[in-house]
């Protein structure tokens, strides 16, 4: 299992096991929420041993100032080995045109912060959401 914490990742779906970018979360929705994601990382690492888990910041583009629209988007998908980059721009164009990267089976869920119960932290809610998504993914046969 490998945890990737990168600052230069740009929507790369070929991560291994767990992808959380605290810097992007901090820039997008705030330092407090980035710290909650960091607090959830050890539990998410254990959960991401046989599936890929991605945690992304989520907010409303039309109402970025309204906190009730802030949250995490959690994506659980099948582990896919990293593919080598095609260096020839023409071959890469046709490969990307006919073989899109979104062919991997996945389930996702957006967890808004205003739906977190008062007796739980955001990190606990994130881990519970990822656990339920993983169970749903396995039940639907996505790991095969």
N, C-alpha and C. Protein backbone atom coordinates (compact mmCIF):
# COMPACT_ATOMS: atom_id res chain seq x y z
N UNK A 1 0.84 -1.18 0.00
CA UNK A 1 0.00 0.00 0.00
C UNK A 1 0.88 1.23 0.00
N UNK A 2 0.53 2.20 -0.82
CA UNK A 2 1.29 3.42 -0.93
C UNK A 2 0.36 4.60 -0.77
N UNK A 3 0.74 5.55 0.04
CA UNK A 3 -0.04 6.77 0.22
C UNK A 3 0.64 7.86 -0.56
N UNK A 4 -0.11 8.54 -1.38
CA UNK A 4 0.45 9.58 -2.19
C UNK A 4 -0.05 10.93 -1.70
N UNK A 5 0.85 11.75 -1.23
CA UNK A 5 0.52 13.12 -0.84
C UNK A 5 1.33 14.02 -1.74
N UNK A 6 0.71 14.51 -2.77
CA UNK A 6 1.48 15.29 -3.73
C UNK A 6 0.87 16.67 -3.86
N UNK A 7 1.73 17.62 -4.17
CA UNK A 7 1.28 19.00 -4.34
C UNK A 7 1.03 19.32 -5.80
N UNK A 8 1.59 18.54 -6.71
CA UNK A 8 1.46 18.82 -8.12
C UNK A 8 0.49 17.89 -8.84
N UNK A 9 -0.29 17.09 -8.13
CA UNK A 9 -1.24 16.18 -8.78
C UNK A 9 -2.35 17.00 -9.41
N UNK A 10 -2.64 16.73 -10.65
CA UNK A 10 -3.68 17.47 -11.34
C UNK A 10 -4.70 16.49 -11.90
N UNK A 11 -5.66 16.14 -11.08
CA UNK A 11 -6.76 15.25 -11.47
C UNK A 11 -6.23 13.97 -12.09
N UNK A 12 -5.21 13.38 -11.49
CA UNK A 12 -4.66 12.13 -11.99
C UNK A 12 -5.39 10.98 -11.34
N UNK A 13 -6.22 10.24 -12.08
CA UNK A 13 -6.97 9.16 -11.47
C UNK A 13 -6.14 7.91 -11.19
N UNK A 14 -4.87 7.88 -11.60
CA UNK A 14 -4.05 6.68 -11.43
C UNK A 14 -3.22 6.74 -10.15
N UNK A 15 -3.86 7.02 -9.03
CA UNK A 15 -3.16 7.02 -7.76
C UNK A 15 -3.19 5.61 -7.19
N UNK A 16 -2.40 5.36 -6.17
CA UNK A 16 -2.34 4.04 -5.57
C UNK A 16 -2.89 4.09 -4.16
N UNK A 17 -3.91 3.37 -3.88
CA UNK A 17 -4.52 3.16 -2.57
C UNK A 17 -5.23 4.39 -2.02
N UNK A 18 -4.52 5.45 -1.67
CA UNK A 18 -5.15 6.60 -1.02
C UNK A 18 -4.61 7.90 -1.58
N UNK A 19 -5.51 8.80 -1.91
CA UNK A 19 -5.10 10.10 -2.41
C UNK A 19 -5.81 11.17 -1.59
N UNK A 20 -5.03 11.92 -0.85
CA UNK A 20 -5.53 13.09 -0.13
C UNK A 20 -4.50 14.18 -0.32
N UNK A 21 -4.92 15.33 -0.78
CA UNK A 21 -4.02 16.46 -0.96
C UNK A 21 -4.41 17.55 0.04
N UNK A 22 -3.80 17.56 1.24
CA UNK A 22 -4.18 18.54 2.27
C UNK A 22 -3.97 19.99 1.82
N UNK A 23 -2.96 20.24 0.99
CA UNK A 23 -2.72 21.61 0.52
C UNK A 23 -3.88 22.10 -0.34
N UNK A 24 -4.37 21.24 -1.22
CA UNK A 24 -5.50 21.62 -2.08
C UNK A 24 -6.77 21.80 -1.24
N UNK A 25 -6.96 20.94 -0.25
CA UNK A 25 -8.13 21.07 0.63
C UNK A 25 -8.06 22.39 1.39
N UNK A 26 -6.87 22.71 1.89
CA UNK A 26 -6.70 23.95 2.65
C UNK A 26 -6.98 25.18 1.78
N UNK A 27 -6.47 25.18 0.55
CA UNK A 27 -6.69 26.30 -0.36
C UNK A 27 -8.15 26.44 -0.76
N UNK A 28 -8.83 25.30 -0.91
CA UNK A 28 -10.20 25.32 -1.42
C UNK A 28 -11.23 25.60 -0.34
N UNK A 29 -11.16 24.86 0.79
CA UNK A 29 -12.22 25.01 1.79
C UNK A 29 -11.73 25.37 3.18
N UNK A 30 -10.43 25.41 3.41
CA UNK A 30 -9.93 25.92 4.68
C UNK A 30 -9.02 24.98 5.45
N UNK A 31 -8.26 25.58 6.34
CA UNK A 31 -7.26 24.86 7.12
C UNK A 31 -7.88 23.87 8.10
N UNK A 32 -8.99 24.23 8.71
CA UNK A 32 -9.67 23.36 9.67
C UNK A 32 -10.08 22.03 9.02
N UNK A 33 -10.59 22.11 7.81
CA UNK A 33 -11.05 20.92 7.12
C UNK A 33 -9.87 20.09 6.61
N UNK A 34 -8.79 20.76 6.24
CA UNK A 34 -7.58 20.03 5.84
C UNK A 34 -7.04 19.23 7.03
N UNK A 35 -7.09 19.81 8.21
CA UNK A 35 -6.63 19.11 9.40
C UNK A 35 -7.52 17.91 9.70
N UNK A 36 -8.81 18.03 9.48
CA UNK A 36 -9.72 16.89 9.68
C UNK A 36 -9.40 15.76 8.71
N UNK A 37 -9.06 16.11 7.47
CA UNK A 37 -8.68 15.09 6.49
C UNK A 37 -7.38 14.40 6.90
N UNK A 38 -6.43 15.18 7.42
CA UNK A 38 -5.17 14.60 7.89
C UNK A 38 -5.42 13.67 9.07
N UNK A 39 -6.34 14.06 9.97
CA UNK A 39 -6.67 13.21 11.12
C UNK A 39 -7.30 11.89 10.69
N UNK A 40 -8.01 11.89 9.57
CA UNK A 40 -8.66 10.68 9.08
C UNK A 40 -7.73 9.79 8.27
N UNK A 41 -6.57 10.29 7.89
CA UNK A 41 -5.67 9.53 7.01
C UNK A 41 -5.25 8.16 7.53
N UNK A 42 -4.84 8.00 8.79
CA UNK A 42 -4.43 6.65 9.23
C UNK A 42 -5.54 5.61 9.10
N UNK A 43 -6.76 6.00 9.42
CA UNK A 43 -7.88 5.05 9.30
C UNK A 43 -8.23 4.80 7.85
N UNK A 44 -8.10 5.81 7.00
CA UNK A 44 -8.38 5.62 5.58
C UNK A 44 -7.30 4.77 4.91
N UNK A 45 -6.06 4.87 5.40
CA UNK A 45 -4.98 4.03 4.86
C UNK A 45 -5.30 2.55 5.07
N UNK A 46 -5.80 2.21 6.26
CA UNK A 46 -6.16 0.82 6.54
C UNK A 46 -7.31 0.37 5.66
N UNK A 47 -8.24 1.28 5.40
CA UNK A 47 -9.40 0.98 4.58
C UNK A 47 -9.03 0.81 3.11
N UNK A 48 -7.98 1.49 2.68
CA UNK A 48 -7.60 1.52 1.26
C UNK A 48 -6.56 0.47 0.91
N UNK A 49 -6.63 -0.70 1.51
CA UNK A 49 -5.64 -1.72 1.20
C UNK A 49 -5.96 -2.48 -0.09
N UNK A 50 -7.22 -2.58 -0.46
CA UNK A 50 -7.56 -3.32 -1.67
C UNK A 50 -8.40 -2.53 -2.66
N UNK A 51 -8.62 -1.25 -2.36
CA UNK A 51 -9.31 -0.35 -3.28
C UNK A 51 -8.60 1.00 -3.27
N UNK A 52 -8.84 1.80 -4.28
CA UNK A 52 -8.33 3.17 -4.32
C UNK A 52 -9.36 4.09 -3.70
N UNK A 53 -8.91 4.96 -2.81
CA UNK A 53 -9.80 5.94 -2.17
C UNK A 53 -9.23 7.32 -2.45
N UNK A 54 -10.06 8.21 -2.93
CA UNK A 54 -9.68 9.58 -3.20
C UNK A 54 -10.59 10.51 -2.41
N UNK A 55 -10.01 11.47 -1.72
CA UNK A 55 -10.79 12.46 -0.97
C UNK A 55 -10.47 13.82 -1.55
N UNK A 56 -11.49 14.47 -2.09
CA UNK A 56 -11.33 15.76 -2.75
C UNK A 56 -12.19 16.81 -2.06
N UNK A 57 -11.75 18.07 -2.05
CA UNK A 57 -12.59 19.12 -1.49
C UNK A 57 -13.76 19.41 -2.41
N UNK A 58 -14.88 19.81 -1.83
CA UNK A 58 -16.08 20.10 -2.61
C UNK A 58 -16.71 21.37 -2.08
N UNK A 59 -17.10 22.26 -2.98
CA UNK A 59 -17.83 23.46 -2.61
C UNK A 59 -18.64 23.93 -3.80
N UNK A 60 -19.59 24.78 -3.53
CA UNK A 60 -20.46 25.29 -4.58
C UNK A 60 -19.77 26.42 -5.33
N UNK A 61 -19.70 26.30 -6.64
CA UNK A 61 -19.10 27.37 -7.44
C UNK A 61 -19.97 28.62 -7.45
N UNK A 62 -21.29 28.43 -7.35
CA UNK A 62 -22.18 29.59 -7.39
C UNK A 62 -22.29 30.28 -6.03
N UNK A 63 -22.07 29.53 -4.92
CA UNK A 63 -22.13 30.11 -3.57
C UNK A 63 -20.92 29.67 -2.75
N UNK A 64 -19.70 30.12 -3.12
CA UNK A 64 -18.51 29.64 -2.40
C UNK A 64 -18.44 30.12 -0.95
N UNK A 65 -19.17 31.18 -0.64
CA UNK A 65 -19.11 31.72 0.73
C UNK A 65 -20.04 31.00 1.69
N UNK A 66 -20.96 30.20 1.19
CA UNK A 66 -21.91 29.49 2.06
C UNK A 66 -21.31 28.17 2.52
N UNK A 67 -21.10 28.06 3.82
CA UNK A 67 -20.41 26.90 4.39
C UNK A 67 -21.23 25.62 4.26
N UNK A 68 -22.55 25.71 4.21
CA UNK A 68 -23.35 24.48 4.13
C UNK A 68 -23.13 23.73 2.83
N UNK A 69 -22.52 24.36 1.84
CA UNK A 69 -22.22 23.67 0.58
C UNK A 69 -20.81 23.11 0.55
N UNK A 70 -20.03 23.30 1.62
CA UNK A 70 -18.67 22.76 1.68
C UNK A 70 -18.72 21.31 2.12
N UNK A 71 -17.75 20.53 1.65
CA UNK A 71 -17.69 19.13 2.05
C UNK A 71 -16.55 18.41 1.37
N UNK A 72 -16.57 17.10 1.50
CA UNK A 72 -15.59 16.23 0.85
C UNK A 72 -16.31 15.35 -0.15
N UNK A 73 -15.68 15.16 -1.30
CA UNK A 73 -16.16 14.17 -2.25
C UNK A 73 -15.24 12.98 -2.11
N UNK A 74 -15.80 11.85 -1.79
CA UNK A 74 -15.03 10.62 -1.59
C UNK A 74 -15.33 9.69 -2.76
N UNK A 75 -14.27 9.17 -3.38
CA UNK A 75 -14.40 8.28 -4.52
C UNK A 75 -13.68 6.97 -4.20
N UNK A 76 -14.39 5.87 -4.34
CA UNK A 76 -13.80 4.54 -4.15
C UNK A 76 -13.82 3.84 -5.50
N UNK A 77 -12.65 3.37 -5.93
CA UNK A 77 -12.57 2.71 -7.23
C UNK A 77 -11.63 1.52 -7.16
N UNK A 78 -11.63 0.77 -8.21
CA UNK A 78 -10.78 -0.42 -8.33
C UNK A 78 -9.32 0.01 -8.44
N UNK A 79 -8.42 -0.77 -7.82
CA UNK A 79 -7.00 -0.47 -7.95
C UNK A 79 -6.55 -0.70 -9.38
N UNK A 80 -5.97 0.31 -9.96
CA UNK A 80 -5.52 0.25 -11.33
C UNK A 80 -4.02 0.53 -11.34
N UNK A 81 -3.22 -0.31 -11.95
CA UNK A 81 -1.78 0.00 -12.01
C UNK A 81 -1.54 1.26 -12.82
N UNK A 82 -0.53 2.01 -12.42
CA UNK A 82 -0.22 3.24 -13.14
C UNK A 82 0.22 2.92 -14.55
N UNK A 83 -0.34 3.68 -15.47
CA UNK A 83 0.00 3.46 -16.87
C UNK A 83 1.13 4.41 -17.25
N UNK A 84 1.98 3.95 -18.14
CA UNK A 84 3.08 4.80 -18.56
C UNK A 84 2.54 5.91 -19.46
N UNK A 85 3.16 7.06 -19.35
CA UNK A 85 2.77 8.20 -20.17
C UNK A 85 3.25 7.99 -21.60
N UNK A 86 2.40 8.32 -22.55
CA UNK A 86 2.76 8.24 -23.96
C UNK A 86 3.42 9.56 -24.31
N UNK A 87 4.65 9.51 -24.75
CA UNK A 87 5.43 10.72 -24.99
C UNK A 87 5.09 11.38 -26.32
N UNK A 88 4.75 10.61 -27.32
CA UNK A 88 4.41 11.17 -28.63
C UNK A 88 3.06 11.88 -28.53
N UNK A 89 3.00 13.19 -28.78
CA UNK A 89 1.74 13.93 -28.60
C UNK A 89 0.61 13.45 -29.51
N UNK A 90 0.93 13.00 -30.70
CA UNK A 90 -0.11 12.54 -31.62
C UNK A 90 -0.70 11.23 -31.13
N UNK A 91 0.17 10.29 -30.73
CA UNK A 91 -0.32 9.01 -30.20
C UNK A 91 -1.10 9.24 -28.91
N UNK A 92 -0.61 10.14 -28.05
CA UNK A 92 -1.29 10.43 -26.79
C UNK A 92 -2.68 11.02 -27.05
N UNK A 93 -2.80 11.90 -28.06
CA UNK A 93 -4.09 12.50 -28.39
C UNK A 93 -5.10 11.43 -28.78
N UNK A 94 -4.70 10.51 -29.69
CA UNK A 94 -5.62 9.48 -30.12
C UNK A 94 -5.90 8.46 -29.03
N UNK A 95 -4.91 8.17 -28.20
CA UNK A 95 -5.13 7.26 -27.07
C UNK A 95 -6.14 7.87 -26.10
N UNK A 96 -5.98 9.14 -25.76
CA UNK A 96 -6.90 9.80 -24.84
C UNK A 96 -8.29 9.96 -25.45
N UNK A 97 -8.35 10.12 -26.76
CA UNK A 97 -9.63 10.27 -27.45
C UNK A 97 -10.44 8.98 -27.41
N UNK A 98 -9.78 7.84 -27.66
CA UNK A 98 -10.48 6.57 -27.76
C UNK A 98 -10.43 5.72 -26.50
N UNK A 99 -9.53 6.01 -25.58
CA UNK A 99 -9.38 5.23 -24.35
C UNK A 99 -9.41 6.19 -23.16
N UNK A 100 -10.57 6.70 -22.79
CA UNK A 100 -10.62 7.65 -21.67
C UNK A 100 -10.23 6.99 -20.36
N UNK A 101 -9.72 7.80 -19.43
CA UNK A 101 -9.27 7.30 -18.13
C UNK A 101 -10.42 6.95 -17.20
N UNK A 102 -11.62 7.42 -17.48
CA UNK A 102 -12.75 7.20 -16.58
C UNK A 102 -13.44 5.86 -16.81
N UNK A 103 -12.76 4.89 -17.38
CA UNK A 103 -13.37 3.59 -17.63
C UNK A 103 -13.34 2.69 -16.40
N UNK A 104 -12.63 3.10 -15.34
CA UNK A 104 -12.52 2.30 -14.13
C UNK A 104 -13.82 2.36 -13.35
N UNK A 105 -14.35 1.23 -12.89
CA UNK A 105 -15.58 1.26 -12.08
C UNK A 105 -15.33 2.00 -10.77
N UNK A 106 -16.31 2.82 -10.37
CA UNK A 106 -16.16 3.59 -9.14
C UNK A 106 -17.52 3.94 -8.56
N UNK A 107 -17.50 4.27 -7.28
CA UNK A 107 -18.67 4.84 -6.61
C UNK A 107 -18.18 6.10 -5.90
N UNK A 108 -19.05 7.08 -5.81
CA UNK A 108 -18.66 8.30 -5.12
C UNK A 108 -19.82 8.88 -4.32
N UNK A 109 -19.45 9.73 -3.40
CA UNK A 109 -20.45 10.35 -2.53
C UNK A 109 -19.88 11.68 -2.05
N UNK A 110 -20.73 12.68 -2.00
CA UNK A 110 -20.32 13.97 -1.45
C UNK A 110 -20.89 14.09 -0.04
N UNK A 111 -19.99 14.37 0.90
CA UNK A 111 -20.39 14.52 2.30
C UNK A 111 -20.31 15.99 2.67
N UNK A 112 -21.46 16.60 2.90
CA UNK A 112 -21.49 18.01 3.26
C UNK A 112 -21.30 18.17 4.77
N UNK A 113 -20.60 19.21 5.16
CA UNK A 113 -20.26 19.40 6.57
C UNK A 113 -21.48 19.72 7.44
N UNK A 114 -22.52 20.29 6.86
CA UNK A 114 -23.70 20.60 7.69
C UNK A 114 -24.52 19.35 8.01
N UNK A 115 -24.21 18.21 7.38
CA UNK A 115 -24.90 16.96 7.69
C UNK A 115 -24.16 16.11 8.72
N UNK A 116 -23.03 16.60 9.23
CA UNK A 116 -22.25 15.85 10.23
C UNK A 116 -22.94 16.02 11.58
N UNK A 117 -23.25 14.92 12.28
CA UNK A 117 -23.88 15.03 13.61
C UNK A 117 -22.98 15.76 14.59
N UNK A 118 -23.60 16.39 15.59
CA UNK A 118 -22.84 17.18 16.57
C UNK A 118 -21.90 16.34 17.41
N UNK A 119 -22.23 15.07 17.63
CA UNK A 119 -21.40 14.22 18.49
C UNK A 119 -20.24 13.56 17.75
N UNK A 120 -20.06 13.85 16.45
CA UNK A 120 -18.98 13.25 15.66
C UNK A 120 -18.12 14.36 15.07
N UNK A 121 -16.85 14.01 14.86
CA UNK A 121 -15.98 14.96 14.16
C UNK A 121 -16.13 14.74 12.65
N UNK A 122 -15.64 15.68 11.89
CA UNK A 122 -15.69 15.57 10.44
C UNK A 122 -14.84 14.39 9.97
N UNK A 123 -13.71 14.16 10.66
CA UNK A 123 -12.84 13.03 10.30
C UNK A 123 -13.58 11.71 10.49
N UNK A 124 -14.31 11.57 11.62
CA UNK A 124 -15.08 10.34 11.85
C UNK A 124 -16.15 10.15 10.79
N UNK A 125 -16.81 11.22 10.42
CA UNK A 125 -17.84 11.15 9.39
C UNK A 125 -17.24 10.78 8.03
N UNK A 126 -16.05 11.30 7.75
CA UNK A 126 -15.36 10.97 6.50
C UNK A 126 -15.01 9.49 6.44
N UNK A 127 -14.50 8.95 7.54
CA UNK A 127 -14.13 7.53 7.58
C UNK A 127 -15.37 6.65 7.46
N UNK A 128 -16.46 7.03 8.13
CA UNK A 128 -17.71 6.25 8.02
C UNK A 128 -18.24 6.28 6.59
N UNK A 129 -18.19 7.44 5.97
CA UNK A 129 -18.65 7.55 4.58
C UNK A 129 -17.81 6.72 3.64
N UNK A 130 -16.49 6.74 3.81
CA UNK A 130 -15.60 5.95 2.97
C UNK A 130 -15.83 4.45 3.20
N UNK A 131 -16.09 4.07 4.46
CA UNK A 131 -16.35 2.66 4.77
C UNK A 131 -17.63 2.20 4.09
N UNK A 132 -18.68 3.01 4.16
CA UNK A 132 -19.94 2.61 3.52
C UNK A 132 -19.79 2.58 2.00
N UNK A 133 -19.01 3.49 1.44
CA UNK A 133 -18.76 3.47 0.00
C UNK A 133 -17.99 2.22 -0.41
N UNK A 134 -17.00 1.84 0.39
CA UNK A 134 -16.22 0.64 0.08
C UNK A 134 -17.13 -0.59 0.13
N UNK A 135 -17.99 -0.68 1.16
CA UNK A 135 -18.91 -1.80 1.27
C UNK A 135 -19.84 -1.86 0.06
N UNK A 136 -20.33 -0.71 -0.35
CA UNK A 136 -21.22 -0.64 -1.51
C UNK A 136 -20.47 -1.05 -2.78
N UNK A 137 -19.23 -0.61 -2.91
CA UNK A 137 -18.40 -0.94 -4.07
C UNK A 137 -18.17 -2.44 -4.16
N UNK A 138 -17.84 -3.05 -3.02
CA UNK A 138 -17.61 -4.50 -2.98
C UNK A 138 -18.89 -5.25 -3.29
N UNK A 139 -20.01 -4.79 -2.72
CA UNK A 139 -21.30 -5.44 -2.92
C UNK A 139 -21.72 -5.39 -4.39
N UNK A 140 -21.42 -4.31 -5.05
CA UNK A 140 -21.77 -4.18 -6.47
C UNK A 140 -20.81 -4.93 -7.38
N UNK A 141 -19.76 -5.50 -6.82
CA UNK A 141 -18.83 -6.31 -7.61
C UNK A 141 -17.74 -5.51 -8.29
N UNK A 142 -17.43 -4.34 -7.77
CA UNK A 142 -16.42 -3.49 -8.40
C UNK A 142 -15.00 -3.95 -8.23
N UNK A 143 -14.71 -4.84 -7.27
CA UNK A 143 -13.33 -5.28 -7.03
C UNK A 143 -12.90 -6.40 -7.95
N UNK A 144 -13.82 -7.04 -8.62
CA UNK A 144 -13.48 -8.20 -9.46
C UNK A 144 -12.58 -7.82 -10.61
